[in-house]
Structures are given as structure tokens and as C-alpha cells.
Amino acid sequence: MKRLARASLALAAVSFACFIVMILAQVSYRYVGVSMVFSEEAARLFNVYAVFFGLVYVVYASGDVRINLIDAFFDSRPRLAVALSLVYTVLAIIFMAILCVGSWRLMNSNWSWPLPSISFLSKGHVYLAPFIGSVLSLIILVGRVIETLRLRQPVFPLTEDVE
């Protein structure tokens, strides 16, 4: 899982860097008076990929929003902490499963339609990122449920463990 998180973080960083380059090129070319037809669509595509590759890392690092007071309350109650951890994780699994199915349907229904300014890519490529991100996140979350049940304690990897 650690390698998956690192690879996902690297892909998110590369996608974000490409997104920034496309935006800067678009602004620069507009300043000069030349229009880059594909830059807006490419920037959008890179942004979507950065978000959903980044999602995999956030899921691995348990970087979701939490209320520290609730976690501190359950720290002194190990059984309740395990139950709360499982509830969090199962809710995340449900959300990722819905995202996975929805992005799969959108990807399949739009695969034959080319992007207007980048004709060698289809509209399905836009929905490929949420599909990949949700599938990889589901793998991590199911692994977390199995570990939590096996160890009988919440499994929340620290961010430092990934780097």
C-alpha cells in the first residue's frame, strides 16, 4: 500500500505541474496575442487527474477531515474507537463505490466522443481519473477494514510513514 500511495502522490504532483504549465502557457500566449486552443481543455484534464491521484494518497494517509475532540474521547475507549474507525471506513467505502460505478458509467458512455480541441483523447479519458482514483481508494479502504478487524484497533497511518 505504501508504494501505491507514493506512486499516486508522484502522479498527482506531475499532473499538477502539467496543470500549472498549461495555465501559464495559456496566460503567456494570450499576452502575446496567440491563442492556444487546447490549453484550457488540457489544463482541466490535468487538474482532474491531479485531484483523483491525490485522493489515493489522502485516503492512505487518513487525511480526511476529523474532529479531534471525538477522536480524543474515543482514545480512552478502545472498543468504541474500533467501532468508530469501522464506521468511518465503511462510509468511505460506500462513497468510493458510488463514485466508482458513476465514473465507470460516464467513462463508457463518453468514450466514443473525442475532446473538441484534443481529438486524439476522448471525453471518457476525463472520467478515467475518478474511476482509477476510486478503485485504488477502495483497495486501500478494504485493506484498512481487514487490518482493523485483525488488530482490533483503529488503523490510521501517519503521513510521515508515506514519505
C-alpha atoms as a PDB file:
ATOM      1  CA  MET A   1       0.000   0.000   0.000  1.00  0.00           C
ATOM      2  CA  LYS A   2       2.893   2.302   0.733  1.00  0.00           C
ATOM      3  CA  ARG A   3       4.207   2.015  -2.844  1.00  0.00           C
ATOM      4  CA  LEU A   4       0.734   2.661  -4.204  1.00  0.00           C
ATOM      5  CA  ALA A   5       0.477   5.818  -2.084  1.00  0.00           C
ATOM      6  CA  ARG A   6       3.912   7.037  -3.190  1.00  0.00           C
ATOM      7  CA  ALA A   7       3.193   6.372  -6.866  1.00  0.00           C
ATOM      8  CA  SER A   8      -0.162   8.103  -6.557  1.00  0.00           C
ATOM      9  CA  LEU A   9       1.440  11.119  -4.898  1.00  0.00           C
ATOM     10  CA  ALA A  10       4.074  11.306  -7.634  1.00  0.00           C
ATOM     11  CA  LEU A  11       1.431  11.103 -10.387  1.00  0.00           C
ATOM     12  CA  ALA A  12      -0.639  13.780  -8.641  1.00  0.00           C
ATOM     13  CA  ALA A  13       2.421  16.052  -8.448  1.00  0.00           C
ATOM     14  CA  VAL A  14       3.252  15.529 -12.130  1.00  0.00           C
ATOM     15  CA  SER A  15      -0.370  16.166 -13.119  1.00  0.00           C
ATOM     16  CA  PHE A  16      -0.461  19.316 -11.015  1.00  0.00           C
ATOM     17  CA  ALA A  17       2.818  20.546 -12.526  1.00  0.00           C
ATOM     18  CA  CYS A  18       1.418  19.975 -16.029  1.00  0.00           C
ATOM     19  CA  PHE A  19      -1.736  21.837 -14.974  1.00  0.00           C
ATOM     20  CA  ILE A  20       0.347  24.833 -13.853  1.00  0.00           C
ATOM     21  CA  VAL A  21       2.391  24.761 -17.084  1.00  0.00           C
ATOM     22  CA  MET A  22      -0.802  24.751 -19.182  1.00  0.00           C
ATOM     23  CA  ILE A  23      -2.239  27.703 -17.245  1.00  0.00           C
ATOM     24  CA  LEU A  24       0.999  29.694 -17.507  1.00  0.00           C
ATOM     25  CA  ALA A  25       1.272  28.928 -21.224  1.00  0.00           C
ATOM     26  CA  GLN A  26      -2.315  29.983 -21.758  1.00  0.00           C
ATOM     27  CA  VAL A  27      -1.770  33.302 -19.955  1.00  0.00           C
ATOM     28  CA  SER A  28       1.557  33.920 -21.706  1.00  0.00           C
ATOM     29  CA  TYR A  29       0.198  33.202 -25.151  1.00  0.00           C
ATOM     30  CA  ARG A  30      -2.811  35.439 -24.552  1.00  0.00           C
ATOM     31  CA  TYR A  31      -0.461  38.242 -23.533  1.00  0.00           C
ATOM     32  CA  VAL A  32       1.423  37.811 -26.822  1.00  0.00           C
ATOM     33  CA  GLY A  33      -1.859  37.613 -28.734  1.00  0.00           C
ATOM     34  CA  VAL A  34      -1.655  33.983 -29.817  1.00  0.00           C
ATOM     35  CA  SER A  35      -4.423  31.561 -28.934  1.00  0.00           C
ATOM     36  CA  MET A  36      -3.663  28.049 -27.706  1.00  0.00           C
ATOM     37  CA  VAL A  37      -6.843  26.168 -28.491  1.00  0.00           C
ATOM     38  CA  PHE A  38      -6.058  23.041 -26.486  1.00  0.00           C
ATOM     39  CA  SER A  39      -4.620  24.606 -23.304  1.00  0.00           C
ATOM     40  CA  GLU A  40      -7.902  25.092 -21.455  1.00  0.00           C
ATOM     41  CA  GLU A  41      -9.036  21.523 -22.030  1.00  0.00           C
ATOM     42  CA  ALA A  42      -5.577  20.131 -21.226  1.00  0.00           C
ATOM     43  CA  ALA A  43      -5.454  22.162 -18.006  1.00  0.00           C
ATOM     44  CA  ARG A  44      -8.863  20.829 -16.977  1.00  0.00           C
ATOM     45  CA  LEU A  45      -7.795  17.259 -17.712  1.00  0.00           C
ATOM     46  CA  PHE A  46      -4.553  17.597 -15.730  1.00  0.00           C
ATOM     47  CA  ASN A  47      -6.458  19.162 -12.839  1.00  0.00           C
ATOM     48  CA  VAL A  48      -8.916  16.266 -12.692  1.00  0.00           C
ATOM     49  CA  TYR A  49      -6.065  13.741 -12.721  1.00  0.00           C
ATOM     50  CA  ALA A  50      -4.176  15.643 -10.003  1.00  0.00           C
ATOM     51  CA  VAL A  51      -7.249  15.618  -7.762  1.00  0.00           C
ATOM     52  CA  PHE A  52      -8.042  11.934  -8.133  1.00  0.00           C
ATOM     53  CA  PHE A  53      -4.444  10.698  -7.916  1.00  0.00           C
ATOM     54  CA  GLY A  54      -4.103  12.897  -4.839  1.00  0.00           C
ATOM     55  CA  LEU A  55      -7.255  11.291  -3.431  1.00  0.00           C
ATOM     56  CA  VAL A  56      -5.500   7.925  -3.247  1.00  0.00           C
ATOM     57  CA  TYR A  57      -2.699   9.420  -1.147  1.00  0.00           C
ATOM     58  CA  VAL A  58      -5.155  11.224   1.141  1.00  0.00           C
ATOM     59  CA  VAL A  59      -7.107   8.008   1.718  1.00  0.00           C
ATOM     60  CA  TYR A  60      -3.899   6.128   2.537  1.00  0.00           C
ATOM     61  CA  ALA A  61      -2.671   8.823   4.919  1.00  0.00           C
ATOM     62  CA  SER A  62      -6.119   9.165   6.564  1.00  0.00           C
ATOM     63  CA  GLY A  63      -6.058  12.820   5.634  1.00  0.00           C
ATOM     64  CA  ASP A  64      -9.819  13.213   5.741  1.00  0.00           C
ATOM     65  CA  VAL A  65     -11.398  15.881   7.914  1.00  0.00           C
ATOM     66  CA  ARG A  66     -11.806  14.766  11.519  1.00  0.00           C
ATOM     67  CA  ILE A  67     -12.965  16.291  14.757  1.00  0.00           C
ATOM     68  CA  ASN A  68     -10.096  15.841  17.216  1.00  0.00           C
ATOM     69  CA  LEU A  69     -12.401  16.074  20.220  1.00  0.00           C
ATOM     70  CA  ILE A  70     -14.320  12.987  19.079  1.00  0.00           C
ATOM     71  CA  ASP A  71     -11.107  11.038  18.379  1.00  0.00           C
ATOM     72  CA  ALA A  72      -9.697  12.042  21.805  1.00  0.00           C
ATOM     73  CA  PHE A  73     -12.927  10.935  23.503  1.00  0.00           C
ATOM     74  CA  PHE A  74     -12.738   7.506  21.871  1.00  0.00           C
ATOM     75  CA  ASP A  75      -8.999   7.036  22.523  1.00  0.00           C
ATOM     76  CA  SER A  76      -9.722   6.016  26.116  1.00  0.00           C
ATOM     77  CA  ARG A  77     -12.366   3.538  24.924  1.00  0.00           C
ATOM     78  CA  PRO A  78     -10.643   1.057  22.595  1.00  0.00           C
ATOM     79  CA  ARG A  79     -13.750  -0.882  21.543  1.00  0.00           C
ATOM     80  CA  LEU A  80     -15.625   2.284  20.678  1.00  0.00           C
ATOM     81  CA  ALA A  81     -12.551   3.572  18.830  1.00  0.00           C
ATOM     82  CA  VAL A  82     -12.536   0.423  16.684  1.00  0.00           C
ATOM     83  CA  ALA A  83     -16.268   0.767  16.038  1.00  0.00           C
ATOM     84  CA  LEU A  84     -15.911   4.444  15.090  1.00  0.00           C
ATOM     85  CA  SER A  85     -12.988   3.631  12.815  1.00  0.00           C
ATOM     86  CA  LEU A  86     -15.025   0.936  11.077  1.00  0.00           C
ATOM     87  CA  VAL A  87     -17.989   3.288  10.665  1.00  0.00           C
ATOM     88  CA  TYR A  88     -15.741   5.968   9.116  1.00  0.00           C
ATOM     89  CA  THR A  89     -14.161   3.438   6.791  1.00  0.00           C
ATOM     90  CA  VAL A  90     -17.397   1.745   5.733  1.00  0.00           C
ATOM     91  CA  LEU A  91     -18.947   5.135   4.921  1.00  0.00           C
ATOM     92  CA  ALA A  92     -15.868   5.972   2.829  1.00  0.00           C
ATOM     93  CA  ILE A  93     -16.159   2.593   1.069  1.00  0.00           C
ATOM     94  CA  ILE A  94     -19.799   3.297   0.209  1.00  0.00           C
ATOM     95  CA  PHE A  95     -18.898   6.725  -1.163  1.00  0.00           C
ATOM     96  CA  MET A  96     -15.988   5.344  -3.218  1.00  0.00           C
ATOM     97  CA  ALA A  97     -18.152   2.529  -4.581  1.00  0.00           C
ATOM     98  CA  ILE A  98     -20.769   5.048  -5.734  1.00  0.00           C
ATOM     99  CA  LEU A  99     -18.023   7.189  -7.297  1.00  0.00           C
ATOM    100  CA  CYS A 100     -16.533   4.116  -8.975  1.00  0.00           C
ATOM    101  CA  VAL A 101     -19.824   2.996 -10.524  1.00  0.00           C
ATOM    102  CA  GLY A 102     -20.764   6.508 -11.622  1.00  0.00           C
ATOM    103  CA  SER A 103     -17.403   7.255 -13.194  1.00  0.00           C
ATOM    104  CA  TRP A 104     -17.417   3.846 -14.922  1.00  0.00           C
ATOM    105  CA  ARG A 105     -20.795   4.601 -16.481  1.00  0.00           C
ATOM    106  CA  LEU A 106     -19.758   8.095 -17.566  1.00  0.00           C
ATOM    107  CA  MET A 107     -16.448   6.820 -18.912  1.00  0.00           C
ATOM    108  CA  ASN A 108     -18.134   4.127 -21.014  1.00  0.00           C
ATOM    109  CA  SER A 109     -20.871   6.392 -22.324  1.00  0.00           C
ATOM    110  CA  ASN A 110     -18.406   9.129 -23.348  1.00  0.00           C
ATOM    111  CA  TRP A 111     -15.534   7.012 -24.665  1.00  0.00           C
ATOM    112  CA  SER A 112     -16.519   7.363 -28.318  1.00  0.00           C
ATOM    113  CA  TRP A 113     -16.755  11.175 -28.191  1.00  0.00           C
ATOM    114  CA  PRO A 114     -13.449  12.973 -28.843  1.00  0.00           C
ATOM    115  CA  LEU A 115     -12.478  16.063 -26.908  1.00  0.00           C
ATOM    116  CA  PRO A 116     -13.124  19.098 -29.130  1.00  0.00           C
ATOM    117  CA  SER A 117      -9.624  20.557 -29.075  1.00  0.00           C
ATOM    118  CA  ILE A 118      -7.607  17.396 -28.314  1.00  0.00           C
ATOM    119  CA  SER A 119      -9.098  14.986 -30.814  1.00  0.00           C
ATOM    120  CA  PHE A 120      -6.778  12.056 -30.004  1.00  0.00           C
ATOM    121  CA  LEU A 121      -8.335  11.877 -26.492  1.00  0.00           C
ATOM    122  CA  SER A 122     -11.950  11.061 -25.784  1.00  0.00           C
ATOM    123  CA  LYS A 123     -14.308  12.507 -23.198  1.00  0.00           C
ATOM    124  CA  GLY A 124     -14.039   9.135 -21.499  1.00  0.00           C
ATOM    125  CA  HIS A 125     -10.454   9.984 -20.533  1.00  0.00           C
ATOM    126  CA  VAL A 126     -11.827  12.723 -18.259  1.00  0.00           C
ATOM    127  CA  TYR A 127     -13.828  10.122 -16.308  1.00  0.00           C
ATOM    128  CA  LEU A 128     -10.963   7.637 -16.251  1.00  0.00           C
ATOM    129  CA  ALA A 129      -9.290   9.603 -13.436  1.00  0.00           C
ATOM    130  CA  PRO A 130     -12.222   9.334 -10.972  1.00  0.00           C
ATOM    131  CA  PHE A 131     -12.551   5.654 -11.843  1.00  0.00           C
ATOM    132  CA  ILE A 132      -8.865   4.901 -11.186  1.00  0.00           C
ATOM    133  CA  GLY A 133      -8.827   7.035  -8.035  1.00  0.00           C
ATOM    134  CA  SER A 134     -11.935   5.413  -6.597  1.00  0.00           C
ATOM    135  CA  VAL A 135     -10.804   1.851  -7.373  1.00  0.00           C
ATOM    136  CA  LEU A 136      -7.385   2.387  -5.766  1.00  0.00           C
ATOM    137  CA  SER A 137      -9.010   4.108  -2.789  1.00  0.00           C
ATOM    138  CA  LEU A 138     -11.419   1.180  -2.405  1.00  0.00           C
ATOM    139  CA  ILE A 139      -8.475  -1.234  -2.298  1.00  0.00           C
ATOM    140  CA  ILE A 140      -6.835   0.809   0.451  1.00  0.00           C
ATOM    141  CA  LEU A 141     -10.073   1.154   2.442  1.00  0.00           C
ATOM    142  CA  VAL A 142     -10.914  -2.557   2.270  1.00  0.00           C
ATOM    143  CA  GLY A 143      -7.368  -3.302   3.410  1.00  0.00           C
ATOM    144  CA  ARG A 144      -7.889  -0.893   6.309  1.00  0.00           C
ATOM    145  CA  VAL A 145     -11.106  -2.679   7.374  1.00  0.00           C
ATOM    146  CA  ILE A 146      -9.325  -6.039   7.300  1.00  0.00           C
ATOM    147  CA  GLU A 147      -6.401  -4.666   9.352  1.00  0.00           C
ATOM    148  CA  THR A 148      -8.733  -3.010  11.860  1.00  0.00           C
ATOM    149  CA  LEU A 149     -10.654  -6.246  12.381  1.00  0.00           C
ATOM    150  CA  ARG A 150      -7.449  -8.290  12.589  1.00  0.00           C
ATOM    151  CA  LEU A 151      -5.655  -5.997  15.045  1.00  0.00           C
ATOM    152  CA  ARG A 152      -8.800  -4.921  16.919  1.00  0.00           C
ATOM    153  CA  GLN A 153      -7.566  -1.354  16.939  1.00  0.00           C
ATOM    154  CA  PRO A 154      -8.034   1.562  14.541  1.00  0.00           C
ATOM    155  CA  VAL A 155      -5.537   1.737  11.698  1.00  0.00           C
ATOM    156  CA  PHE A 156      -4.690   5.339  10.854  1.00  0.00           C
ATOM    157  CA  PRO A 157      -1.347   5.549   9.031  1.00  0.00           C
ATOM    158  CA  LEU A 158       0.633   8.689   9.658  1.00  0.00           C
ATOM    159  CA  THR A 159       1.645  10.945   6.802  1.00  0.00           C
ATOM    160  CA  GLU A 160       5.315  10.598   7.803  1.00  0.00           C
ATOM    161  CA  ASP A 161       5.086   6.865   7.091  1.00  0.00           C
ATOM    162  CA  VAL A 162       4.461   7.512   3.387  1.00  0.00           C
ATOM    163  CA  GLU A 163       7.238   9.988   2.710  1.00  0.00           C
END
